[in-house]
mmCIF file of all heavy atoms, coordinates in Angstrom:
data_MODEL
# 
_entry.id   MODEL 
# 
loop_
_atom_site.group_PDB 
_atom_site.id 
_atom_site.type_symbol 
_atom_site.label_atom_id 
_atom_site.label_alt_id 
_atom_site.label_comp_id 
_atom_site.label_asym_id 
_atom_site.label_entity_id 
_atom_site.label_seq_id 
_atom_site.pdbx_PDB_ins_code 
_atom_site.Cartn_x 
_atom_site.Cartn_y 
_atom_site.Cartn_z 
_atom_site.occupancy 
_atom_site.B_iso_or_equiv 
_atom_site.pdbx_formal_charge 
_atom_site.auth_seq_id 
_atom_site.auth_comp_id 
_atom_site.auth_asym_id 
_atom_site.auth_atom_id 
_atom_site.pdbx_PDB_model_num 
ATOM 1   N N   . ALA A 1 1  ? 149.474 166.745 90.918  1.00 0.00 ? 1  ALA A N   1 
ATOM 2   C CA  . ALA A 1 1  ? 148.196 166.067 90.652  1.00 0.00 ? 1  ALA A CA  1 
ATOM 3   C C   . ALA A 1 1  ? 147.614 165.441 91.923  1.00 0.00 ? 1  ALA A C   1 
ATOM 4   O O   . ALA A 1 1  ? 146.447 165.686 92.251  1.00 0.00 ? 1  ALA A O   1 
ATOM 5   C CB  . ALA A 1 1  ? 148.334 165.052 89.535  1.00 0.00 ? 1  ALA A CB  1 
ATOM 6   N N   . PRO A 1 2  ? 148.377 164.629 92.664  1.00 0.00 ? 2  PRO A N   1 
ATOM 7   C CA  . PRO A 1 2  ? 147.824 164.086 93.911  1.00 0.00 ? 2  PRO A CA  1 
ATOM 8   C C   . PRO A 1 2  ? 147.496 165.196 94.922  1.00 0.00 ? 2  PRO A C   1 
ATOM 9   O O   . PRO A 1 2  ? 146.495 165.113 95.637  1.00 0.00 ? 2  PRO A O   1 
ATOM 10  C CB  . PRO A 1 2  ? 148.919 163.170 94.449  1.00 0.00 ? 2  PRO A CB  1 
ATOM 11  C CG  . PRO A 1 2  ? 149.735 162.812 93.254  1.00 0.00 ? 2  PRO A CG  1 
ATOM 12  C CD  . PRO A 1 2  ? 149.678 164.015 92.359  1.00 0.00 ? 2  PRO A CD  1 
ATOM 13  N N   . LEU A 1 3  ? 148.323 166.234 94.978  1.00 0.00 ? 3  LEU A N   1 
ATOM 14  C CA  . LEU A 1 3  ? 148.065 167.341 95.887  1.00 0.00 ? 3  LEU A CA  1 
ATOM 15  C C   . LEU A 1 3  ? 146.765 168.048 95.508  1.00 0.00 ? 3  LEU A C   1 
ATOM 16  O O   . LEU A 1 3  ? 145.948 168.357 96.370  1.00 0.00 ? 3  LEU A O   1 
ATOM 17  C CB  . LEU A 1 3  ? 149.227 168.326 95.899  1.00 0.00 ? 3  LEU A CB  1 
ATOM 18  C CG  . LEU A 1 3  ? 149.057 169.566 96.780  1.00 0.00 ? 3  LEU A CG  1 
ATOM 19  C CD1 . LEU A 1 3  ? 148.819 169.180 98.234  1.00 0.00 ? 3  LEU A CD1 1 
ATOM 20  C CD2 . LEU A 1 3  ? 150.263 170.471 96.650  1.00 0.00 ? 3  LEU A CD2 1 
ATOM 21  N N   . GLU A 1 4  ? 146.571 168.284 94.219  1.00 0.00 ? 4  GLU A N   1 
ATOM 22  C CA  . GLU A 1 4  ? 145.339 168.921 93.764  1.00 0.00 ? 4  GLU A CA  1 
ATOM 23  C C   . GLU A 1 4  ? 144.130 168.084 94.135  1.00 0.00 ? 4  GLU A C   1 
ATOM 24  O O   . GLU A 1 4  ? 143.106 168.619 94.558  1.00 0.00 ? 4  GLU A O   1 
ATOM 25  C CB  . GLU A 1 4  ? 145.380 169.150 92.252  1.00 0.00 ? 4  GLU A CB  1 
ATOM 26  C CG  . GLU A 1 4  ? 146.339 170.244 91.850  1.00 0.00 ? 4  GLU A CG  1 
ATOM 27  C CD  . GLU A 1 4  ? 146.544 170.335 90.347  1.00 0.00 ? 4  GLU A CD  1 
ATOM 28  O OE1 . GLU A 1 4  ? 146.116 169.422 89.609  1.00 0.00 ? 4  GLU A OE1 1 
ATOM 29  O OE2 . GLU A 1 4  ? 147.138 171.328 89.922  1.00 0.00 ? 4  GLU A OE2 1 
ATOM 30  N N   . GLN A 1 5  ? 144.237 166.767 94.009  1.00 0.00 ? 5  GLN A N   1 
ATOM 31  C CA  . GLN A 1 5  ? 143.134 165.877 94.383  1.00 0.00 ? 5  GLN A CA  1 
ATOM 32  C C   . GLN A 1 5  ? 142.848 165.957 95.875  1.00 0.00 ? 5  GLN A C   1 
ATOM 33  O O   . GLN A 1 5  ? 141.681 166.022 96.289  1.00 0.00 ? 5  GLN A O   1 
ATOM 34  C CB  . GLN A 1 5  ? 143.443 164.440 93.972  1.00 0.00 ? 5  GLN A CB  1 
ATOM 35  C CG  . GLN A 1 5  ? 143.471 164.237 92.474  1.00 0.00 ? 5  GLN A CG  1 
ATOM 36  C CD  . GLN A 1 5  ? 143.970 162.853 92.097  1.00 0.00 ? 5  GLN A CD  1 
ATOM 37  O OE1 . GLN A 1 5  ? 144.488 162.098 92.933  1.00 0.00 ? 5  GLN A OE1 1 
ATOM 38  N NE2 . GLN A 1 5  ? 143.836 162.513 90.830  1.00 0.00 ? 5  GLN A NE2 1 
ATOM 39  N N   . ARG A 1 6  ? 143.896 165.953 96.695  1.00 0.00 ? 6  ARG A N   1 
ATOM 40  C CA  . ARG A 1 6  ? 143.711 166.033 98.154  1.00 0.00 ? 6  ARG A CA  1 
ATOM 41  C C   . ARG A 1 6  ? 143.092 167.362 98.562  1.00 0.00 ? 6  ARG A C   1 
ATOM 42  O O   . ARG A 1 6  ? 142.220 167.423 99.423  1.00 0.00 ? 6  ARG A O   1 
ATOM 43  C CB  . ARG A 1 6  ? 145.055 165.853 98.876  1.00 0.00 ? 6  ARG A CB  1 
ATOM 44  C CG  . ARG A 1 6  ? 145.757 164.533 98.671  1.00 0.00 ? 6  ARG A CG  1 
ATOM 45  C CD  . ARG A 1 6  ? 145.163 163.381 99.463  1.00 0.00 ? 6  ARG A CD  1 
ATOM 46  N NE  . ARG A 1 6  ? 145.027 163.612 100.864 1.00 0.00 ? 6  ARG A NE  1 
ATOM 47  C CZ  . ARG A 1 6  ? 145.906 163.287 101.807 1.00 0.00 ? 6  ARG A CZ  1 
ATOM 48  N NH1 . ARG A 1 6  ? 147.037 162.723 101.479 1.00 0.00 ? 6  ARG A NH1 1 
ATOM 49  N NH2 . ARG A 1 6  ? 145.649 163.527 103.058 1.00 0.00 ? 6  ARG A NH2 1 
ATOM 50  N N   . LEU A 1 7  ? 143.552 168.454 97.929  1.00 0.00 ? 7  LEU A N   1 
ATOM 51  C CA  . LEU A 1 7  ? 143.001 169.773 98.251  1.00 0.00 ? 7  LEU A CA  1 
ATOM 52  C C   . LEU A 1 7  ? 141.551 169.885 97.805  1.00 0.00 ? 7  LEU A C   1 
ATOM 53  O O   . LEU A 1 7  ? 140.715 170.456 98.516  1.00 0.00 ? 7  LEU A O   1 
ATOM 54  C CB  . LEU A 1 7  ? 143.849 170.871 97.626  1.00 0.00 ? 7  LEU A CB  1 
ATOM 55  C CG  . LEU A 1 7  ? 145.257 171.022 98.207  1.00 0.00 ? 7  LEU A CG  1 
ATOM 56  C CD1 . LEU A 1 7  ? 146.055 172.035 97.397  1.00 0.00 ? 7  LEU A CD1 1 
ATOM 57  C CD2 . LEU A 1 7  ? 145.212 171.403 99.666  1.00 0.00 ? 7  LEU A CD2 1 
ATOM 58  N N   . ALA A 1 8  ? 141.217 169.341 96.635  1.00 0.00 ? 8  ALA A N   1 
ATOM 59  C CA  . ALA A 1 8  ? 139.834 169.345 96.168  1.00 0.00 ? 8  ALA A CA  1 
ATOM 60  C C   . ALA A 1 8  ? 138.948 168.567 97.135  1.00 0.00 ? 8  ALA A C   1 
ATOM 61  O O   . ALA A 1 8  ? 137.824 168.979 97.441  1.00 0.00 ? 8  ALA A O   1 
ATOM 62  C CB  . ALA A 1 8  ? 139.734 168.773 94.761  1.00 0.00 ? 8  ALA A CB  1 
ATOM 63  N N   . GLN A 1 9  ? 139.452 167.453 97.636  1.00 0.00 ? 9  GLN A N   1 
ATOM 64  C CA  . GLN A 1 9  ? 138.713 166.659 98.615  1.00 0.00 ? 9  GLN A CA  1 
ATOM 65  C C   . GLN A 1 9  ? 138.503 167.466 99.898  1.00 0.00 ? 9  GLN A C   1 
ATOM 66  O O   . GLN A 1 9  ? 137.412 167.459 100.473 1.00 0.00 ? 9  GLN A O   1 
ATOM 67  C CB  . GLN A 1 9  ? 139.465 165.367 98.921  1.00 0.00 ? 9  GLN A CB  1 
ATOM 68  C CG  . GLN A 1 9  ? 138.785 164.476 99.932  1.00 0.00 ? 9  GLN A CG  1 
ATOM 69  C CD  . GLN A 1 9  ? 139.611 163.239 100.247 1.00 0.00 ? 9  GLN A CD  1 
ATOM 70  O OE1 . GLN A 1 9  ? 140.849 163.290 100.258 1.00 0.00 ? 9  GLN A OE1 1 
ATOM 71  N NE2 . GLN A 1 9  ? 138.942 162.141 100.485 1.00 0.00 ? 9  GLN A NE2 1 
ATOM 72  N N   . LEU A 1 10 ? 139.514 168.178 100.332 1.00 0.00 ? 10 LEU A N   1 
ATOM 73  C CA  . LEU A 1 10 ? 139.404 169.009 101.529 1.00 0.00 ? 10 LEU A CA  1 
ATOM 74  C C   . LEU A 1 10 ? 138.340 170.089 101.339 1.00 0.00 ? 10 LEU A C   1 
ATOM 75  O O   . LEU A 1 10 ? 137.503 170.312 102.216 1.00 0.00 ? 10 LEU A O   1 
ATOM 76  C CB  . LEU A 1 10 ? 140.750 169.642 101.862 1.00 0.00 ? 10 LEU A CB  1 
ATOM 77  C CG  . LEU A 1 10 ? 140.781 170.609 103.040 1.00 0.00 ? 10 LEU A CG  1 
ATOM 78  C CD1 . LEU A 1 10 ? 140.375 169.918 104.335 1.00 0.00 ? 10 LEU A CD1 1 
ATOM 79  C CD2 . LEU A 1 10 ? 142.161 171.231 103.162 1.00 0.00 ? 10 LEU A CD2 1 
ATOM 80  N N   . VAL A 1 11 ? 138.346 170.751 100.191 1.00 0.00 ? 11 VAL A N   1 
ATOM 81  C CA  . VAL A 1 11 ? 137.351 171.791 99.910  1.00 0.00 ? 11 VAL A CA  1 
ATOM 82  C C   . VAL A 1 11 ? 135.945 171.201 99.942  1.00 0.00 ? 11 VAL A C   1 
ATOM 83  O O   . VAL A 1 11 ? 135.025 171.784 100.520 1.00 0.00 ? 11 VAL A O   1 
ATOM 84  C CB  . VAL A 1 11 ? 137.638 172.490 98.566  1.00 0.00 ? 11 VAL A CB  1 
ATOM 85  C CG1 . VAL A 1 11 ? 136.469 173.371 98.137  1.00 0.00 ? 11 VAL A CG1 1 
ATOM 86  C CG2 . VAL A 1 11 ? 138.904 173.323 98.671  1.00 0.00 ? 11 VAL A CG2 1 
ATOM 87  N N   . ARG A 1 12 ? 135.775 170.022 99.334  1.00 0.00 ? 12 ARG A N   1 
ATOM 88  C CA  . ARG A 1 12 ? 134.445 169.377 99.347  1.00 0.00 ? 12 ARG A CA  1 
ATOM 89  C C   . ARG A 1 12 ? 134.002 169.066 100.773 1.00 0.00 ? 12 ARG A C   1 
ATOM 90  O O   . ARG A 1 12 ? 132.849 169.276 101.138 1.00 0.00 ? 12 ARG A O   1 
ATOM 91  C CB  . ARG A 1 12 ? 134.461 168.097 98.516  1.00 0.00 ? 12 ARG A CB  1 
ATOM 92  C CG  . ARG A 1 12 ? 134.406 168.329 97.023  1.00 0.00 ? 12 ARG A CG  1 
ATOM 93  C CD  . ARG A 1 12 ? 134.134 167.042 96.253  1.00 0.00 ? 12 ARG A CD  1 
ATOM 94  N NE  . ARG A 1 12 ? 135.077 165.972 96.541  1.00 0.00 ? 12 ARG A NE  1 
ATOM 95  C CZ  . ARG A 1 12 ? 136.259 165.809 95.946  1.00 0.00 ? 12 ARG A CZ  1 
ATOM 96  N NH1 . ARG A 1 12 ? 136.647 166.660 95.018  1.00 0.00 ? 12 ARG A NH1 1 
ATOM 97  N NH2 . ARG A 1 12 ? 137.046 164.798 96.268  1.00 0.00 ? 12 ARG A NH2 1 
ATOM 98  N N   . ARG A 1 13 ? 134.918 168.583 101.596 1.00 0.00 ? 13 ARG A N   1 
ATOM 99  C CA  . ARG A 1 13 ? 134.562 168.244 102.985 1.00 0.00 ? 13 ARG A CA  1 
ATOM 100 C C   . ARG A 1 13 ? 134.248 169.487 103.819 1.00 0.00 ? 13 ARG A C   1 
ATOM 101 O O   . ARG A 1 13 ? 133.390 169.457 104.690 1.00 0.00 ? 13 ARG A O   1 
ATOM 102 C CB  . ARG A 1 13 ? 135.676 167.449 103.643 1.00 0.00 ? 13 ARG A CB  1 
ATOM 103 C CG  . ARG A 1 13 ? 135.737 166.047 103.129 1.00 0.00 ? 13 ARG A CG  1 
ATOM 104 C CD  . ARG A 1 13 ? 136.777 165.257 103.848 1.00 0.00 ? 13 ARG A CD  1 
ATOM 105 N NE  . ARG A 1 13 ? 136.758 163.900 103.353 1.00 0.00 ? 13 ARG A NE  1 
ATOM 106 C CZ  . ARG A 1 13 ? 137.305 162.896 103.993 1.00 0.00 ? 13 ARG A CZ  1 
ATOM 107 N NH1 . ARG A 1 13 ? 137.897 163.079 105.136 1.00 0.00 ? 13 ARG A NH1 1 
ATOM 108 N NH2 . ARG A 1 13 ? 137.255 161.688 103.469 1.00 0.00 ? 13 ARG A NH2 1 
ATOM 109 N N   . LEU A 1 14 ? 134.967 170.562 103.552 1.00 0.00 ? 14 LEU A N   1 
ATOM 110 C CA  . LEU A 1 14 ? 134.725 171.796 104.300 1.00 0.00 ? 14 LEU A CA  1 
ATOM 111 C C   . LEU A 1 14 ? 133.470 172.518 103.835 1.00 0.00 ? 14 LEU A C   1 
ATOM 112 O O   . LEU A 1 14 ? 132.880 173.277 104.591 1.00 0.00 ? 14 LEU A O   1 
ATOM 113 C CB  . LEU A 1 14 ? 135.933 172.728 104.174 1.00 0.00 ? 14 LEU A CB  1 
ATOM 114 C CG  . LEU A 1 14 ? 137.202 172.275 104.857 1.00 0.00 ? 14 LEU A CG  1 
ATOM 115 C CD1 . LEU A 1 14 ? 138.356 173.206 104.499 1.00 0.00 ? 14 LEU A CD1 1 
ATOM 116 C CD2 . LEU A 1 14 ? 137.017 172.207 106.361 1.00 0.00 ? 14 LEU A CD2 1 
ATOM 117 N N   . HIS A 1 15 ? 133.072 172.294 102.585 1.00 0.00 ? 15 HIS A N   1 
ATOM 118 C CA  . HIS A 1 15 ? 131.897 172.955 102.018 1.00 0.00 ? 15 HIS A CA  1 
ATOM 119 C C   . HIS A 1 15 ? 130.641 172.204 102.463 1.00 0.00 ? 15 HIS A C   1 
ATOM 120 O O   . HIS A 1 15 ? 130.047 171.460 101.715 1.00 0.00 ? 15 HIS A O   1 
ATOM 121 C CB  . HIS A 1 15 ? 131.994 172.974 100.502 1.00 0.00 ? 15 HIS A CB  1 
ATOM 122 C CG  . HIS A 1 15 ? 130.948 173.827 99.865  1.00 0.00 ? 15 HIS A CG  1 
ATOM 123 N ND1 . HIS A 1 15 ? 131.172 174.490 98.712  1.00 0.00 ? 15 HIS A ND1 1 
ATOM 124 C CD2 . HIS A 1 15 ? 129.684 174.140 100.217 1.00 0.00 ? 15 HIS A CD2 1 
ATOM 125 C CE1 . HIS A 1 15 ? 130.091 175.163 98.355  1.00 0.00 ? 15 HIS A CE1 1 
ATOM 126 N NE2 . HIS A 1 15 ? 129.176 174.954 99.258  1.00 0.00 ? 15 HIS A NE2 1 
ATOM 127 N N   . THR A 1 16 ? 130.284 172.399 103.699 1.00 0.00 ? 16 THR A N   1 
ATOM 128 C CA  . THR A 1 16 ? 129.150 171.706 104.294 1.00 0.00 ? 16 THR A CA  1 
ATOM 129 C C   . THR A 1 16 ? 128.109 172.723 104.735 1.00 0.00 ? 16 THR A C   1 
ATOM 130 O O   . THR A 1 16 ? 128.422 173.639 105.491 1.00 0.00 ? 16 THR A O   1 
ATOM 131 C CB  . THR A 1 16 ? 129.615 170.891 105.527 1.00 0.00 ? 16 THR A CB  1 
ATOM 132 O OG1 . THR A 1 16 ? 130.659 170.011 105.114 1.00 0.00 ? 16 THR A OG1 1 
ATOM 133 C CG2 . THR A 1 16 ? 128.476 170.107 106.122 1.00 0.00 ? 16 THR A CG2 1 
ATOM 134 N N   . PRO A 1 17 ? 126.864 172.582 104.254 1.00 0.00 ? 17 PRO A N   1 
ATOM 135 C CA  . PRO A 1 17 ? 125.821 173.505 104.704 1.00 0.00 ? 17 PRO A CA  1 
ATOM 136 C C   . PRO A 1 17 ? 125.622 173.412 106.220 1.00 0.00 ? 17 PRO A C   1 
ATOM 137 O O   . PRO A 1 17 ? 125.749 172.343 106.816 1.00 0.00 ? 17 PRO A O   1 
ATOM 138 C CB  . PRO A 1 17 ? 124.568 173.020 103.967 1.00 0.00 ? 17 PRO A CB  1 
ATOM 139 C CG  . PRO A 1 17 ? 125.083 172.222 102.817 1.00 0.00 ? 17 PRO A CG  1 
ATOM 140 C CD  . PRO A 1 17 ? 126.379 171.619 103.283 1.00 0.00 ? 17 PRO A CD  1 
ATOM 141 N N   . VAL A 1 18 ? 125.322 174.547 106.822 1.00 0.00 ? 18 VAL A N   1 
ATOM 142 C CA  . VAL A 1 18 ? 125.084 174.618 108.263 1.00 0.00 ? 18 VAL A CA  1 
ATOM 143 C C   . VAL A 1 18 ? 123.605 174.887 108.473 1.00 0.00 ? 18 VAL A C   1 
ATOM 144 O O   . VAL A 1 18 ? 123.042 175.813 107.885 1.00 0.00 ? 18 VAL A O   1 
ATOM 145 C CB  . VAL A 1 18 ? 125.928 175.746 108.900 1.00 0.00 ? 18 VAL A CB  1 
ATOM 146 C CG1 . VAL A 1 18 ? 125.587 175.909 110.366 1.00 0.00 ? 18 VAL A CG1 1 
ATOM 147 C CG2 . VAL A 1 18 ? 127.411 175.468 108.713 1.00 0.00 ? 18 VAL A CG2 1 
ATOM 148 N N   . VAL A 1 19 ? 122.956 174.083 109.315 1.00 0.00 ? 19 VAL A N   1 
ATOM 149 C CA  . VAL A 1 19 ? 121.545 174.280 109.624 1.00 0.00 ? 19 VAL A CA  1 
ATOM 150 C C   . VAL A 1 19 ? 121.450 175.092 110.909 1.00 0.00 ? 19 VAL A C   1 
ATOM 151 O O   . VAL A 1 19 ? 121.980 174.697 111.951 1.00 0.00 ? 19 VAL A O   1 
ATOM 152 C CB  . VAL A 1 19 ? 120.813 172.931 109.773 1.00 0.00 ? 19 VAL A CB  1 
ATOM 153 C CG1 . VAL A 1 19 ? 119.351 173.162 110.129 1.00 0.00 ? 19 VAL A CG1 1 
ATOM 154 C CG2 . VAL A 1 19 ? 120.943 172.102 108.504 1.00 0.00 ? 19 VAL A CG2 1 
ATOM 155 N N   . LEU A 1 20 ? 120.804 176.246 110.813 1.00 0.00 ? 20 LEU A N   1 
ATOM 156 C CA  . LEU A 1 20 ? 120.645 177.129 111.967 1.00 0.00 ? 20 LEU A CA  1 
ATOM 157 C C   . LEU A 1 20 ? 119.515 176.641 112.864 1.00 0.00 ? 20 LEU A C   1 
ATOM 158 O O   . LEU A 1 20 ? 118.708 175.795 112.466 1.00 0.00 ? 20 LEU A O   1 
ATOM 159 C CB  . LEU A 1 20 ? 120.362 178.562 111.483 1.00 0.00 ? 20 LEU A CB  1 
ATOM 160 C CG  . LEU A 1 20 ? 121.413 179.164 110.553 1.00 0.00 ? 20 LEU A CG  1 
ATOM 161 C CD1 . LEU A 1 20 ? 120.971 180.547 110.094 1.00 0.00 ? 20 LEU A CD1 1 
ATOM 162 C CD2 . LEU A 1 20 ? 122.770 179.240 111.243 1.00 0.00 ? 20 LEU A CD2 1 
ATOM 163 N N   . GLU A 1 21 ? 119.442 177.180 114.075 1.00 0.00 ? 21 GLU A N   1 
ATOM 164 C CA  . GLU A 1 21 ? 118.419 176.767 115.029 1.00 0.00 ? 21 GLU A CA  1 
ATOM 165 C C   . GLU A 1 21 ? 117.006 176.968 114.507 1.00 0.00 ? 21 GLU A C   1 
ATOM 166 O O   . GLU A 1 21 ? 116.101 176.220 114.853 1.00 0.00 ? 21 GLU A O   1 
ATOM 167 C CB  . GLU A 1 21 ? 118.596 177.526 116.350 1.00 0.00 ? 21 GLU A CB  1 
ATOM 168 C CG  . GLU A 1 21 ? 119.830 177.112 117.114 1.00 0.00 ? 21 GLU A CG  1 
ATOM 169 C CD  . GLU A 1 21 ? 119.993 177.890 118.412 1.00 0.00 ? 21 GLU A CD  1 
ATOM 170 O OE1 . GLU A 1 21 ? 119.088 178.645 118.784 1.00 0.00 ? 21 GLU A OE1 1 
ATOM 171 O OE2 . GLU A 1 21 ? 121.044 177.735 119.043 1.00 0.00 ? 21 GLU A OE2 1 
ATOM 172 N N   . ASP A 1 22 ? 116.806 177.987 113.660 1.00 0.00 ? 22 ASP A N   1 
ATOM 173 C CA  . ASP A 1 22 ? 115.463 178.251 113.133 1.00 0.00 ? 22 ASP A CA  1 
ATOM 174 C C   . ASP A 1 22 ? 115.154 177.414 111.896 1.00 0.00 ? 22 ASP A C   1 
ATOM 175 O O   . ASP A 1 22 ? 114.121 177.591 111.255 1.00 0.00 ? 22 ASP A O   1 
ATOM 176 C CB  . ASP A 1 22 ? 115.273 179.730 112.834 1.00 0.00 ? 22 ASP A CB  1 
ATOM 177 C CG  . ASP A 1 22 ? 116.199 180.252 111.738 1.00 0.00 ? 22 ASP A CG  1 
ATOM 178 O OD1 . ASP A 1 22 ? 116.931 179.447 111.141 1.00 0.00 ? 22 ASP A OD1 1 
ATOM 179 O OD2 . ASP A 1 22 ? 116.177 181.466 111.493 1.00 0.00 ? 22 ASP A OD2 1 
ATOM 180 N N   . GLY A 1 23 ? 116.038 176.478 111.523 1.00 0.00 ? 23 GLY A N   1 
ATOM 181 C CA  . GLY A 1 23 ? 115.799 175.584 110.404 1.00 0.00 ? 23 GLY A CA  1 
ATOM 182 C C   . GLY A 1 23 ? 116.360 176.058 109.079 1.00 0.00 ? 23 GLY A C   1 
ATOM 183 O O   . GLY A 1 23 ? 116.405 175.292 108.115 1.00 0.00 ? 23 GLY A O   1 
ATOM 184 N N   . ARG A 1 24 ? 116.783 177.322 109.008 1.00 0.00 ? 24 ARG A N   1 
ATOM 185 C CA  . ARG A 1 24 ? 117.381 177.813 107.757 1.00 0.00 ? 24 ARG A CA  1 
ATOM 186 C C   . ARG A 1 24 ? 118.734 177.146 107.542 1.00 0.00 ? 24 ARG A C   1 
ATOM 187 O O   . ARG A 1 24 ? 119.437 176.838 108.489 1.00 0.00 ? 24 ARG A O   1 
ATOM 188 C CB  . ARG A 1 24 ? 117.571 179.322 107.793 1.00 0.00 ? 24 ARG A CB  1 
ATOM 189 C CG  . ARG A 1 24 ? 116.281 180.096 107.756 1.00 0.00 ? 24 ARG A CG  1 
ATOM 190 C CD  . ARG A 1 24 ? 116.544 181.584 107.753 1.00 0.00 ? 24 ARG A CD  1 
ATOM 191 N NE  . ARG A 1 24 ? 117.173 181.939 109.029 1.00 0.00 ? 24 ARG A NE  1 
ATOM 192 C CZ  . ARG A 1 24 ? 118.002 182.963 109.204 1.00 0.00 ? 24 ARG A CZ  1 
ATOM 193 N NH1 . ARG A 1 24 ? 118.300 183.758 108.213 1.00 0.00 ? 24 ARG A NH1 1 
ATOM 194 N NH2 . ARG A 1 24 ? 118.526 183.214 110.387 1.00 0.00 ? 24 ARG A NH2 1 
ATOM 195 N N   . THR A 1 25 ? 119.060 176.948 106.284 1.00 0.00 ? 25 THR A N   1 
ATOM 196 C CA  . THR A 1 25 ? 120.348 176.367 105.921 1.00 0.00 ? 25 THR A CA  1 
ATOM 197 C C   . THR A 1 25 ? 121.215 177.450 105.295 1.00 0.00 ? 25 THR A C   1 
ATOM 198 O O   . THR A 1 25 ? 120.761 178.178 104.415 1.00 0.00 ? 25 THR A O   1 
ATOM 199 C CB  . THR A 1 25 ? 120.166 175.207 104.929 1.00 0.00 ? 25 THR A CB  1 
ATOM 200 O OG1 . THR A 1 25 ? 119.340 174.214 105.536 1.00 0.00 ? 25 THR A OG1 1 
ATOM 201 C CG2 . THR A 1 25 ? 121.498 174.588 104.551 1.00 0.00 ? 25 THR A CG2 1 
ATOM 202 N N   . VAL A 1 26 ? 122.432 177.540 105.762 1.00 0.00 ? 26 VAL A N   1 
ATOM 203 C CA  . VAL A 1 26 ? 123.383 178.518 105.250 1.00 0.00 ? 26 VAL A CA  1 
ATOM 204 C C   . VAL A 1 26 ? 124.501 177.751 104.545 1.00 0.00 ? 26 VAL A C   1 
ATOM 205 O O   . VAL A 1 26 ? 125.092 176.835 105.123 1.00 0.00 ? 26 VAL A O   1 
ATOM 206 C CB  . VAL A 1 26 ? 123.966 179.385 106.395 1.00 0.00 ? 26 VAL A CB  1 
ATOM 207 C CG1 . VAL A 1 26 ? 124.983 180.366 105.856 1.00 0.00 ? 26 VAL A CG1 1 
ATOM 208 C CG2 . VAL A 1 26 ? 122.858 180.092 107.149 1.00 0.00 ? 26 VAL A CG2 1 
# 
């Protein structure tokens, strides 16, 4: 349970949109 919570937190932190130079978000 604690491991699942930590991994879910990691996934949320890694799931970050990237803004490209032309302004598009990926």
